[in-house]
Amino acid sequence: TIGQFFGRKRKIVVHFGKPISYAELLHSVDGMGHQGANLYKEQAKYVM
């Protein structure tokens, strides 16, 4: 809730991971035959 957030009653953790280069993103689905929107969706799965 807004009250919990501003009242600092909850522990919120932000984790920054290692940057994913576009080359790594391409390699994540390399050889799977995806194109266009399907390629982007598969790459988004890797990001998630």
ModelCIF file with pLDDT and N, C-alpha, C, O atoms, coordinates in Angstrom:
data_MODEL
#
_entry.id   MODEL 
#
_entity.id                         1 
_entity.type                       polymer 
_entity.pdbx_number_of_molecules   1 
#
_entity_poly.entity_id                      1 
_entity_poly.type                           'polypeptide(L)' 
_entity_poly.nstd_linkage                   no 
_entity_poly.nstd_monomer                   no 
_entity_poly.pdbx_seq_one_letter_code       TIGQFFGRKRKIVVHFGKPISYAELLHSVDGMGHQGANLYKEQAKYVM 
_entity_poly.pdbx_seq_one_letter_code_can   TIGQFFGRKRKIVVHFGKPISYAELLHSVDGMGHQGANLYKEQAKYVM 
_entity_poly.pdbx_strand_id                 A 
#
loop_
_entity_poly_seq.entity_id 
_entity_poly_seq.num 
_entity_poly_seq.mon_id 
_entity_poly_seq.hetero 
1 1  THR n 
1 2  ILE n 
1 3  GLY n 
1 4  GLN n 
1 5  PHE n 
1 6  PHE n 
1 7  GLY n 
1 8  ARG n 
1 9  LYS n 
1 10 ARG n 
1 11 LYS n 
1 12 ILE n 
1 13 VAL n 
1 14 VAL n 
1 15 HIS n 
1 16 PHE n 
1 17 GLY n 
1 18 LYS n 
1 19 PRO n 
1 20 ILE n 
1 21 SER n 
1 22 TYR n 
1 23 ALA n 
1 24 GLU n 
1 25 LEU n 
1 26 LEU n 
1 27 HIS n 
1 28 SER n 
1 29 VAL n 
1 30 ASP n 
1 31 GLY n 
1 32 MET n 
1 33 GLY n 
1 34 HIS n 
1 35 GLN n 
1 36 GLY n 
1 37 ALA n 
1 38 ASN n 
1 39 LEU n 
1 40 TYR n 
1 41 LYS n 
1 42 GLU n 
1 43 GLN n 
1 44 ALA n 
1 45 LYS n 
1 46 TYR n 
1 47 VAL n 
1 48 MET n 
#
_struct_asym.id          A 
_struct_asym.entity_id   1 
#
loop_
_ma_qa_metric.id 
_ma_qa_metric.mode 
_ma_qa_metric.name 
_ma_qa_metric.software_group_id 
_ma_qa_metric.type 
1 global pLDDT . pLDDT 
2 local  pLDDT . pLDDT 
#
_ma_qa_metric_global.metric_id      1 
_ma_qa_metric_global.metric_value   86.58 
_ma_qa_metric_global.model_id       1 
_ma_qa_metric_global.ordinal_id     1 
#
loop_
_ma_qa_metric_local.label_asym_id 
_ma_qa_metric_local.label_comp_id 
_ma_qa_metric_local.label_seq_id 
_ma_qa_metric_local.metric_id 
_ma_qa_metric_local.metric_value 
_ma_qa_metric_local.model_id 
_ma_qa_metric_local.ordinal_id 
A THR 1  2 87.00 1 1  
A ILE 2  2 87.00 1 2  
A GLY 3  2 89.00 1 3  
A GLN 4  2 87.00 1 4  
A PHE 5  2 84.00 1 5  
A PHE 6  2 88.00 1 6  
A GLY 7  2 89.00 1 7  
A ARG 8  2 85.00 1 8  
A LYS 9  2 85.00 1 9  
A ARG 10 2 85.00 1 10 
A LYS 11 2 87.00 1 11 
A ILE 12 2 87.00 1 12 
A VAL 13 2 90.00 1 13 
A VAL 14 2 92.00 1 14 
A HIS 15 2 93.00 1 15 
A PHE 16 2 94.00 1 16 
A GLY 17 2 94.00 1 17 
A LYS 18 2 95.00 1 18 
A PRO 19 2 96.00 1 19 
A ILE 20 2 96.00 1 20 
A SER 21 2 94.00 1 21 
A TYR 22 2 88.00 1 22 
A ALA 23 2 90.00 1 23 
A GLU 24 2 93.00 1 24 
A LEU 25 2 91.00 1 25 
A LEU 26 2 87.00 1 26 
A HIS 27 2 88.00 1 27 
A SER 28 2 87.00 1 28 
A VAL 29 2 82.00 1 29 
A ASP 30 2 72.00 1 30 
A GLY 31 2 62.00 1 31 
A MET 32 2 67.00 1 32 
A GLY 33 2 66.00 1 33 
A HIS 34 2 69.00 1 34 
A GLN 35 2 72.00 1 35 
A GLY 36 2 71.00 1 36 
A ALA 37 2 74.00 1 37 
A ASN 38 2 86.00 1 38 
A LEU 39 2 89.00 1 39 
A TYR 40 2 91.00 1 40 
A LYS 41 2 92.00 1 41 
A GLU 42 2 91.00 1 42 
A GLN 43 2 93.00 1 43 
A ALA 44 2 94.00 1 44 
A LYS 45 2 94.00 1 45 
A TYR 46 2 94.00 1 46 
A VAL 47 2 95.00 1 47 
A MET 48 2 94.00 1 48 
#
loop_
_atom_site.group_PDB 
_atom_site.id 
_atom_site.type_symbol 
_atom_site.label_atom_id 
_atom_site.label_alt_id 
_atom_site.label_comp_id 
_atom_site.label_asym_id 
_atom_site.label_entity_id 
_atom_site.label_seq_id 
_atom_site.pdbx_PDB_ins_code 
_atom_site.Cartn_x 
_atom_site.Cartn_y 
_atom_site.Cartn_z 
_atom_site.occupancy 
_atom_site.B_iso_or_equiv 
_atom_site.pdbx_formal_charge 
_atom_site.auth_seq_id 
_atom_site.auth_comp_id 
_atom_site.auth_asym_id 
_atom_site.auth_atom_id 
_atom_site.pdbx_PDB_model_num 
ATOM 1   N N  . THR A 1 1  ? 0.841  -1.194  0.000   1.00 87.00 ? 1  THR A N  1 
ATOM 2   C CA . THR A 1 1  ? 0.000  0.000   0.000   1.00 87.00 ? 1  THR A CA 1 
ATOM 3   C C  . THR A 1 1  ? 0.881  1.250   0.000   1.00 87.00 ? 1  THR A C  1 
ATOM 4   O O  . THR A 1 1  ? 2.068  1.187   0.319   1.00 87.00 ? 1  THR A O  1 
ATOM 5   N N  . ILE A 1 2  ? 0.294  2.360   -0.354  1.00 87.00 ? 2  ILE A N  1 
ATOM 6   C CA . ILE A 1 2  ? 1.027  3.634   -0.328  1.00 87.00 ? 2  ILE A CA 1 
ATOM 7   C C  . ILE A 1 2  ? 1.521  3.914   1.089   1.00 87.00 ? 2  ILE A C  1 
ATOM 8   O O  . ILE A 1 2  ? 2.645  4.379   1.279   1.00 87.00 ? 2  ILE A O  1 
ATOM 9   N N  . GLY A 1 3  ? 0.683  3.631   2.077   1.00 89.00 ? 3  GLY A N  1 
ATOM 10  C CA . GLY A 1 3  ? 1.066  3.856   3.472   1.00 89.00 ? 3  GLY A CA 1 
ATOM 11  C C  . GLY A 1 3  ? 2.256  3.006   3.885   1.00 89.00 ? 3  GLY A C  1 
ATOM 12  O O  . GLY A 1 3  ? 3.162  3.480   4.571   1.00 89.00 ? 3  GLY A O  1 
ATOM 13  N N  . GLN A 1 4  ? 2.249  1.738   3.462   1.00 87.00 ? 4  GLN A N  1 
ATOM 14  C CA . GLN A 1 4  ? 3.380  0.866   3.774   1.00 87.00 ? 4  GLN A CA 1 
ATOM 15  C C  . GLN A 1 4  ? 4.655  1.360   3.091   1.00 87.00 ? 4  GLN A C  1 
ATOM 16  O O  . GLN A 1 4  ? 5.736  1.335   3.680   1.00 87.00 ? 4  GLN A O  1 
ATOM 17  N N  . PHE A 1 5  ? 4.515  1.809   1.842   1.00 84.00 ? 5  PHE A N  1 
ATOM 18  C CA . PHE A 1 5  ? 5.679  2.274   1.088   1.00 84.00 ? 5  PHE A CA 1 
ATOM 19  C C  . PHE A 1 5  ? 6.285  3.510   1.732   1.00 84.00 ? 5  PHE A C  1 
ATOM 20  O O  . PHE A 1 5  ? 7.470  3.528   2.065   1.00 84.00 ? 5  PHE A O  1 
ATOM 21  N N  . PHE A 1 6  ? 5.465  4.548   1.907   1.00 88.00 ? 6  PHE A N  1 
ATOM 22  C CA . PHE A 1 6  ? 5.995  5.791   2.452   1.00 88.00 ? 6  PHE A CA 1 
ATOM 23  C C  . PHE A 1 6  ? 6.286  5.693   3.942   1.00 88.00 ? 6  PHE A C  1 
ATOM 24  O O  . PHE A 1 6  ? 7.107  6.449   4.461   1.00 88.00 ? 6  PHE A O  1 
ATOM 25  N N  . GLY A 1 7  ? 5.624  4.773   4.637   1.00 89.00 ? 7  GLY A N  1 
ATOM 26  C CA . GLY A 1 7  ? 5.906  4.563   6.051   1.00 89.00 ? 7  GLY A CA 1 
ATOM 27  C C  . GLY A 1 7  ? 7.090  3.627   6.280   1.00 89.00 ? 7  GLY A C  1 
ATOM 28  O O  . GLY A 1 7  ? 7.461  3.336   7.417   1.00 89.00 ? 7  GLY A O  1 
ATOM 29  N N  . ARG A 1 8  ? 7.673  3.161   5.173   1.00 85.00 ? 8  ARG A N  1 
ATOM 30  C CA . ARG A 1 8  ? 8.839  2.267   5.218   1.00 85.00 ? 8  ARG A CA 1 
ATOM 31  C C  . ARG A 1 8  ? 8.565  1.019   6.050   1.00 85.00 ? 8  ARG A C  1 
ATOM 32  O O  . ARG A 1 8  ? 9.412  0.571   6.823   1.00 85.00 ? 8  ARG A O  1 
ATOM 33  N N  . LYS A 1 9  ? 7.374  0.471   5.879   1.00 85.00 ? 9  LYS A N  1 
ATOM 34  C CA . LYS A 1 9  ? 6.978  -0.725  6.629   1.00 85.00 ? 9  LYS A CA 1 
ATOM 35  C C  . LYS A 1 9  ? 7.252  -2.012  5.865   1.00 85.00 ? 9  LYS A C  1 
ATOM 36  O O  . LYS A 1 9  ? 7.030  -3.100  6.396   1.00 85.00 ? 9  LYS A O  1 
ATOM 37  N N  . ARG A 1 10 ? 7.726  -1.909  4.639   1.00 85.00 ? 10 ARG A N  1 
ATOM 38  C CA . ARG A 1 10 ? 8.046  -3.077  3.812   1.00 85.00 ? 10 ARG A CA 1 
ATOM 39  C C  . ARG A 1 10 ? 9.490  -2.982  3.353   1.00 85.00 ? 10 ARG A C  1 
ATOM 40  O O  . ARG A 1 10 ? 10.013 -1.891  3.125   1.00 85.00 ? 10 ARG A O  1 
ATOM 41  N N  . LYS A 1 11 ? 10.120 -4.126  3.224   1.00 87.00 ? 11 LYS A N  1 
ATOM 42  C CA . LYS A 1 11 ? 11.478 -4.175  2.688   1.00 87.00 ? 11 LYS A CA 1 
ATOM 43  C C  . LYS A 1 11 ? 11.366 -4.384  1.179   1.00 87.00 ? 11 LYS A C  1 
ATOM 44  O O  . LYS A 1 11 ? 10.843 -5.399  0.720   1.00 87.00 ? 11 LYS A O  1 
ATOM 45  N N  . ILE A 1 12 ? 11.856 -3.426  0.426   1.00 87.00 ? 12 ILE A N  1 
ATOM 46  C CA . ILE A 1 12 ? 11.853 -3.502  -1.033  1.00 87.00 ? 12 ILE A CA 1 
ATOM 47  C C  . ILE A 1 12 ? 13.294 -3.639  -1.482  1.00 87.00 ? 12 ILE A C  1 
ATOM 48  O O  . ILE A 1 12 ? 14.161 -2.864  -1.080  1.00 87.00 ? 12 ILE A O  1 
ATOM 49  N N  . VAL A 1 13 ? 13.541 -4.648  -2.330  1.00 90.00 ? 13 VAL A N  1 
ATOM 50  C CA . VAL A 1 13 ? 14.897 -4.934  -2.796  1.00 90.00 ? 13 VAL A CA 1 
ATOM 51  C C  . VAL A 1 13 ? 14.958 -4.749  -4.311  1.00 90.00 ? 13 VAL A C  1 
ATOM 52  O O  . VAL A 1 13 ? 14.133 -5.290  -5.048  1.00 90.00 ? 13 VAL A O  1 
ATOM 53  N N  . VAL A 1 14 ? 15.940 -3.982  -4.761  1.00 92.00 ? 14 VAL A N  1 
ATOM 54  C CA . VAL A 1 14 ? 16.184 -3.782  -6.188  1.00 92.00 ? 14 VAL A CA 1 
ATOM 55  C C  . VAL A 1 14 ? 17.516 -4.431  -6.509  1.00 92.00 ? 14 VAL A C  1 
ATOM 56  O O  . VAL A 1 14 ? 18.536 -4.109  -5.900  1.00 92.00 ? 14 VAL A O  1 
ATOM 57  N N  . HIS A 1 15 ? 17.505 -5.359  -7.479  1.00 93.00 ? 15 HIS A N  1 
ATOM 58  C CA . HIS A 1 15 ? 18.722 -6.071  -7.869  1.00 93.00 ? 15 HIS A CA 1 
ATOM 59  C C  . HIS A 1 15 ? 19.046 -5.746  -9.323  1.00 93.00 ? 15 HIS A C  1 
ATOM 60  O O  . HIS A 1 15 ? 18.221 -5.954  -10.212 1.00 93.00 ? 15 HIS A O  1 
ATOM 61  N N  . PHE A 1 16 ? 20.254 -5.236  -9.558  1.00 94.00 ? 16 PHE A N  1 
ATOM 62  C CA . PHE A 1 16 ? 20.720 -4.940  -10.904 1.00 94.00 ? 16 PHE A CA 1 
ATOM 63  C C  . PHE A 1 16 ? 21.604 -6.084  -11.368 1.00 94.00 ? 16 PHE A C  1 
ATOM 64  O O  . PHE A 1 16 ? 22.633 -6.369  -10.756 1.00 94.00 ? 16 PHE A O  1 
ATOM 65  N N  . GLY A 1 17 ? 21.202 -6.739  -12.449 1.00 94.00 ? 17 GLY A N  1 
ATOM 66  C CA . GLY A 1 17 ? 21.974 -7.852  -12.986 1.00 94.00 ? 17 GLY A CA 1 
ATOM 67  C C  . GLY A 1 17 ? 23.039 -7.390  -13.957 1.00 94.00 ? 17 GLY A C  1 
ATOM 68  O O  . GLY A 1 17 ? 23.179 -6.201  -14.240 1.00 94.00 ? 17 GLY A O  1 
ATOM 69  N N  . LYS A 1 18 ? 23.786 -8.358  -14.461 1.00 95.00 ? 18 LYS A N  1 
ATOM 70  C CA . LYS A 1 18 ? 24.832 -8.091  -15.438 1.00 95.00 ? 18 LYS A CA 1 
ATOM 71  C C  . LYS A 1 18 ? 24.176 -7.652  -16.750 1.00 95.00 ? 18 LYS A C  1 
ATOM 72  O O  . LYS A 1 18 ? 23.228 -8.292  -17.204 1.00 95.00 ? 18 LYS A O  1 
ATOM 73  N N  . PRO A 1 19 ? 24.667 -6.567  -17.367 1.00 96.00 ? 19 PRO A N  1 
ATOM 74  C CA . PRO A 1 19 ? 24.080 -6.118  -18.630 1.00 96.00 ? 19 PRO A CA 1 
ATOM 75  C C  . PRO A 1 19 ? 24.114 -7.217  -19.695 1.00 96.00 ? 19 PRO A C  1 
ATOM 76  O O  . PRO A 1 19 ? 25.071 -7.986  -19.790 1.00 96.00 ? 19 PRO A O  1 
ATOM 77  N N  . ILE A 1 20 ? 23.061 -7.268  -20.478 1.00 96.00 ? 20 ILE A N  1 
ATOM 78  C CA . ILE A 1 20 ? 22.942 -8.221  -21.579 1.00 96.00 ? 20 ILE A CA 1 
ATOM 79  C C  . ILE A 1 20 ? 23.213 -7.452  -22.865 1.00 96.00 ? 20 ILE A C  1 
ATOM 80  O O  . ILE A 1 20 ? 22.429 -6.584  -23.250 1.00 96.00 ? 20 ILE A O  1 
ATOM 81  N N  . SER A 1 21 ? 24.321 -7.767  -23.530 1.00 94.00 ? 21 SER A N  1 
ATOM 82  C CA . SER A 1 21 ? 24.620 -7.101  -24.801 1.00 94.00 ? 21 SER A CA 1 
ATOM 83  C C  . SER A 1 21 ? 23.646 -7.608  -25.863 1.00 94.00 ? 21 SER A C  1 
ATOM 84  O O  . SER A 1 21 ? 23.031 -8.662  -25.705 1.00 94.00 ? 21 SER A O  1 
ATOM 85  N N  . TYR A 1 22 ? 23.516 -6.848  -26.936 1.00 88.00 ? 22 TYR A N  1 
ATOM 86  C CA . TYR A 1 22 ? 22.631 -7.322  -27.994 1.00 88.00 ? 22 TYR A CA 1 
ATOM 87  C C  . TYR A 1 22 ? 23.187 -8.604  -28.611 1.00 88.00 ? 22 TYR A C  1 
ATOM 88  O O  . TYR A 1 22 ? 22.414 -9.466  -29.030 1.00 88.00 ? 22 TYR A O  1 
ATOM 89  N N  . ALA A 1 23 ? 24.516 -8.746  -28.676 1.00 90.00 ? 23 ALA A N  1 
ATOM 90  C CA . ALA A 1 23 ? 25.119 -9.984  -29.192 1.00 90.00 ? 23 ALA A CA 1 
ATOM 91  C C  . ALA A 1 23 ? 24.716 -11.181 -28.326 1.00 90.00 ? 23 ALA A C  1 
ATOM 92  O O  . ALA A 1 23 ? 24.404 -12.250 -28.850 1.00 90.00 ? 23 ALA A O  1 
ATOM 93  N N  . GLU A 1 24 ? 24.724 -11.003 -27.009 1.00 93.00 ? 24 GLU A N  1 
ATOM 94  C CA . GLU A 1 24 ? 24.293 -12.080 -26.100 1.00 93.00 ? 24 GLU A CA 1 
ATOM 95  C C  . GLU A 1 24 ? 22.816 -12.396 -26.314 1.00 93.00 ? 24 GLU A C  1 
ATOM 96  O O  . GLU A 1 24 ? 22.417 -13.561 -26.302 1.00 93.00 ? 24 GLU A O  1 
ATOM 97  N N  . LEU A 1 25 ? 22.017 -11.370 -26.507 1.00 91.00 ? 25 LEU A N  1 
ATOM 98  C CA . LEU A 1 25 ? 20.587 -11.566 -26.738 1.00 91.00 ? 25 LEU A CA 1 
ATOM 99  C C  . LEU A 1 25 ? 20.355 -12.366 -28.024 1.00 91.00 ? 25 LEU A C  1 
ATOM 100 O O  . LEU A 1 25 ? 19.518 -13.269 -28.056 1.00 91.00 ? 25 LEU A O  1 
ATOM 101 N N  . LEU A 1 26 ? 21.099 -12.029 -29.079 1.00 87.00 ? 26 LEU A N  1 
ATOM 102 C CA . LEU A 1 26 ? 20.999 -12.783 -30.332 1.00 87.00 ? 26 LEU A CA 1 
ATOM 103 C C  . LEU A 1 26 ? 21.415 -14.233 -30.122 1.00 87.00 ? 26 LEU A C  1 
ATOM 104 O O  . LEU A 1 26 ? 20.763 -15.153 -30.615 1.00 87.00 ? 26 LEU A O  1 
ATOM 105 N N  . HIS A 1 27 ? 22.497 -14.426 -29.393 1.00 88.00 ? 27 HIS A N  1 
ATOM 106 C CA . HIS A 1 27 ? 23.017 -15.779 -29.148 1.00 88.00 ? 27 HIS A CA 1 
ATOM 107 C C  . HIS A 1 27 ? 22.046 -16.612 -28.316 1.00 88.00 ? 27 HIS A C  1 
ATOM 108 O O  . HIS A 1 27 ? 22.048 -17.839 -28.411 1.00 88.00 ? 27 HIS A O  1 
ATOM 109 N N  . SER A 1 28 ? 21.214 -15.958 -27.500 1.00 87.00 ? 28 SER A N  1 
ATOM 110 C CA . SER A 1 28 ? 20.288 -16.687 -26.628 1.00 87.00 ? 28 SER A CA 1 
ATOM 111 C C  . SER A 1 28 ? 19.270 -17.502 -27.409 1.00 87.00 ? 28 SER A C  1 
ATOM 112 O O  . SER A 1 28 ? 18.727 -18.475 -26.884 1.00 87.00 ? 28 SER A O  1 
ATOM 113 N N  . VAL A 1 29 ? 19.004 -17.126 -28.644 1.00 82.00 ? 29 VAL A N  1 
ATOM 114 C CA . VAL A 1 29 ? 18.046 -17.861 -29.478 1.00 82.00 ? 29 VAL A CA 1 
ATOM 115 C C  . VAL A 1 29 ? 18.684 -18.305 -30.795 1.00 82.00 ? 29 VAL A C  1 
ATOM 116 O O  . VAL A 1 29 ? 17.984 -18.695 -31.729 1.00 82.00 ? 29 VAL A O  1 
ATOM 117 N N  . ASP A 1 30 ? 20.003 -18.244 -30.865 1.00 72.00 ? 30 ASP A N  1 
ATOM 118 C CA . ASP A 1 30 ? 20.738 -18.594 -32.078 1.00 72.00 ? 30 ASP A CA 1 
ATOM 119 C C  . ASP A 1 30 ? 20.404 -20.012 -32.536 1.00 72.00 ? 30 ASP A C  1 
ATOM 120 O O  . ASP A 1 30 ? 20.394 -20.947 -31.735 1.00 72.00 ? 30 ASP A O  1 
ATOM 121 N N  . GLY A 1 31 ? 20.133 -20.160 -33.818 1.00 62.00 ? 31 GLY A N  1 
ATOM 122 C CA . GLY A 1 31 ? 19.887 -21.478 -34.396 1.00 62.00 ? 31 GLY A CA 1 
ATOM 123 C C  . GLY A 1 31 ? 18.485 -22.012 -34.183 1.00 62.00 ? 31 GLY A C  1 
ATOM 124 O O  . GLY A 1 31 ? 18.206 -23.155 -34.547 1.00 62.00 ? 31 GLY A O  1 
ATOM 125 N N  . MET A 1 32 ? 17.592 -21.220 -33.603 1.00 67.00 ? 32 MET A N  1 
ATOM 126 C CA . MET A 1 32 ? 16.238 -21.703 -33.350 1.00 67.00 ? 32 MET A CA 1 
ATOM 127 C C  . MET A 1 32 ? 15.284 -21.371 -34.493 1.00 67.00 ? 32 MET A C  1 
ATOM 128 O O  . MET A 1 32 ? 14.126 -21.788 -34.468 1.00 67.00 ? 32 MET A O  1 
ATOM 129 N N  . GLY A 1 33 ? 15.752 -20.626 -35.496 1.00 66.00 ? 33 GLY A N  1 
ATOM 130 C CA . GLY A 1 33 ? 14.930 -20.324 -36.657 1.00 66.00 ? 33 GLY A CA 1 
ATOM 131 C C  . GLY A 1 33 ? 13.835 -19.297 -36.447 1.00 66.00 ? 33 GLY A C  1 
ATOM 132 O O  . GLY A 1 33 ? 12.906 -19.222 -37.251 1.00 66.00 ? 33 GLY A O  1 
ATOM 133 N N  . HIS A 1 34 ? 13.916 -18.501 -35.386 1.00 69.00 ? 34 HIS A N  1 
ATOM 134 C CA . HIS A 1 34 ? 12.897 -17.485 -35.125 1.00 69.00 ? 34 HIS A CA 1 
ATOM 135 C C  . HIS A 1 34 ? 13.163 -16.245 -35.973 1.00 69.00 ? 34 HIS A C  1 
ATOM 136 O O  . HIS A 1 34 ? 14.310 -15.906 -36.264 1.00 69.00 ? 34 HIS A O  1 
ATOM 137 N N  . GLN A 1 35 ? 12.075 -15.577 -36.364 1.00 72.00 ? 35 GLN A N  1 
ATOM 138 C CA . GLN A 1 35 ? 12.181 -14.343 -37.135 1.00 72.00 ? 35 GLN A CA 1 
ATOM 139 C C  . GLN A 1 35 ? 11.148 -13.347 -36.644 1.00 72.00 ? 35 GLN A C  1 
ATOM 140 O O  . GLN A 1 35 ? 10.139 -13.720 -36.047 1.00 72.00 ? 35 GLN A O  1 
ATOM 141 N N  . GLY A 1 36 ? 11.413 -12.080 -36.903 1.00 71.00 ? 36 GLY A N  1 
ATOM 142 C CA . GLY A 1 36 ? 10.447 -11.019 -36.619 1.00 71.00 ? 36 GLY A CA 1 
ATOM 143 C C  . GLY A 1 36 ? 9.957  -11.012 -35.187 1.00 71.00 ? 36 GLY A C  1 
ATOM 144 O O  . GLY A 1 36 ? 10.745 -11.106 -34.245 1.00 71.00 ? 36 GLY A O  1 
ATOM 145 N N  . ALA A 1 37 ? 8.639  -10.899 -35.033 1.00 74.00 ? 37 ALA A N  1 
ATOM 146 C CA . ALA A 1 37 ? 8.026  -10.804 -33.706 1.00 74.00 ? 37 ALA A CA 1 
ATOM 147 C C  . ALA A 1 37 ? 8.327  -12.029 -32.853 1.00 74.00 ? 37 ALA A C  1 
ATOM 148 O O  . ALA A 1 37 ? 8.501  -11.907 -31.641 1.00 74.00 ? 37 ALA A O  1 
ATOM 149 N N  . ASN A 1 38 ? 8.393  -13.211 -33.467 1.00 86.00 ? 38 ASN A N  1 
ATOM 150 C CA . ASN A 1 38 ? 8.716  -14.421 -32.700 1.00 86.00 ? 38 ASN A CA 1 
ATOM 151 C C  . ASN A 1 38 ? 10.125 -14.359 -32.137 1.00 86.00 ? 38 ASN A C  1 
ATOM 152 O O  . ASN A 1 38 ? 10.368 -14.819 -31.021 1.00 86.00 ? 38 ASN A O  1 
ATOM 153 N N  . LEU A 1 39 ? 11.059 -13.795 -32.899 1.00 89.00 ? 39 LEU A N  1 
ATOM 154 C CA . LEU A 1 39 ? 12.432 -13.636 -32.416 1.00 89.00 ? 39 LEU A CA 1 
ATOM 155 C C  . LEU A 1 39 ? 12.446 -12.736 -31.189 1.00 89.00 ? 39 LEU A C  1 
ATOM 156 O O  . LEU A 1 39 ? 13.076 -13.060 -30.182 1.00 89.00 ? 39 LEU A O  1 
ATOM 157 N N  . TYR A 1 40 ? 11.753 -11.610 -31.275 1.00 91.00 ? 40 TYR A N  1 
ATOM 158 C CA . TYR A 1 40 ? 11.719 -10.681 -30.145 1.00 91.00 ? 40 TYR A CA 1 
ATOM 159 C C  . TYR A 1 40 ? 11.077 -11.312 -28.907 1.00 91.00 ? 40 TYR A C  1 
ATOM 160 O O  . TYR A 1 40 ? 11.533 -11.086 -27.787 1.00 91.00 ? 40 TYR A O  1 
ATOM 161 N N  . LYS A 1 41 ? 10.034 -12.091 -29.108 1.00 92.00 ? 41 LYS A N  1 
ATOM 162 C CA . LYS A 1 41 ? 9.376  -12.756 -27.961 1.00 92.00 ? 41 LYS A CA 1 
ATOM 163 C C  . LYS A 1 41 ? 10.315 -13.757 -27.302 1.00 92.00 ? 41 LYS A C  1 
ATOM 164 O O  . LYS A 1 41 ? 10.367 -13.843 -26.075 1.00 92.00 ? 41 LYS A O  1 
ATOM 165 N N  . GLU A 1 42 ? 11.058 -14.514 -28.106 1.00 91.00 ? 42 GLU A N  1 
ATOM 166 C CA . GLU A 1 42 ? 12.011 -15.478 -27.550 1.00 91.00 ? 42 GLU A CA 1 
ATOM 167 C C  . GLU A 1 42 ? 13.134 -14.765 -26.809 1.00 91.00 ? 42 GLU A C  1 
ATOM 168 O O  . GLU A 1 42 ? 13.571 -15.222 -25.753 1.00 91.00 ? 42 GLU A O  1 
ATOM 169 N N  . GLN A 1 43 ? 13.598 -13.655 -27.355 1.00 93.00 ? 43 GLN A N  1 
ATOM 170 C CA . GLN A 1 43 ? 14.633 -12.878 -26.676 1.00 93.00 ? 43 GLN A CA 1 
ATOM 171 C C  . GLN A 1 43 ? 14.097 -12.280 -25.376 1.00 93.00 ? 43 GLN A C  1 
ATOM 172 O O  . GLN A 1 43 ? 14.824 -12.194 -24.386 1.00 93.00 ? 43 GLN A O  1 
ATOM 173 N N  . ALA A 1 44 ? 12.840 -11.870 -25.375 1.00 94.00 ? 44 ALA A N  1 
ATOM 174 C CA . ALA A 1 44 ? 12.223 -11.341 -24.154 1.00 94.00 ? 44 ALA A CA 1 
ATOM 175 C C  . ALA A 1 44 ? 12.157 -12.416 -23.073 1.00 94.00 ? 44 ALA A C  1 
ATOM 176 O O  . ALA A 1 44 ? 12.287 -12.108 -21.888 1.00 94.00 ? 44 ALA A O  1 
ATOM 177 N N  . LYS A 1 45 ? 11.957 -13.670 -23.466 1.00 94.00 ? 45 LYS A N  1 
ATOM 178 C CA . LYS A 1 45 ? 11.967 -14.769 -22.489 1.00 94.00 ? 45 LYS A CA 1 
ATOM 179 C C  . LYS A 1 45 ? 13.326 -14.864 -21.813 1.00 94.00 ? 45 LYS A C  1 
ATOM 180 O O  . LYS A 1 45 ? 13.414 -15.112 -20.610 1.00 94.00 ? 45 LYS A O  1 
ATOM 181 N N  . TYR A 1 46 ? 14.378 -14.668 -22.587 1.00 94.00 ? 46 TYR A N  1 
ATOM 182 C CA . TYR A 1 46 ? 15.739 -14.694 -22.034 1.00 94.00 ? 46 TYR A CA 1 
ATOM 183 C C  . TYR A 1 46 ? 15.925 -13.553 -21.033 1.00 94.00 ? 46 TYR A C  1 
ATOM 184 O O  . TYR A 1 46 ? 16.490 -13.750 -19.957 1.00 94.00 ? 46 TYR A O  1 
ATOM 185 N N  . VAL A 1 47 ? 15.450 -12.366 -21.390 1.00 95.00 ? 47 VAL A N  1 
ATOM 186 C CA . VAL A 1 47 ? 15.547 -11.211 -20.485 1.00 95.00 ? 47 VAL A CA 1 
ATOM 187 C C  . VAL A 1 47 ? 14.785 -11.501 -19.193 1.00 95.00 ? 47 VAL A C  1 
ATOM 188 O O  . VAL A 1 47 ? 15.286 -11.216 -18.106 1.00 95.00 ? 47 VAL A O  1 
ATOM 189 N N  . MET A 1 48 ? 13.585 -12.063 -19.297 1.00 94.00 ? 48 MET A N  1 
ATOM 190 C CA . MET A 1 48 ? 12.793 -12.380 -18.111 1.00 94.00 ? 48 MET A CA 1 
ATOM 191 C C  . MET A 1 48 ? 13.489 -13.432 -17.252 1.00 94.00 ? 48 MET A C  1 
ATOM 192 O O  . MET A 1 48 ? 12.965 -13.822 -16.208 1.00 94.00 ? 48 MET A O  1 
#
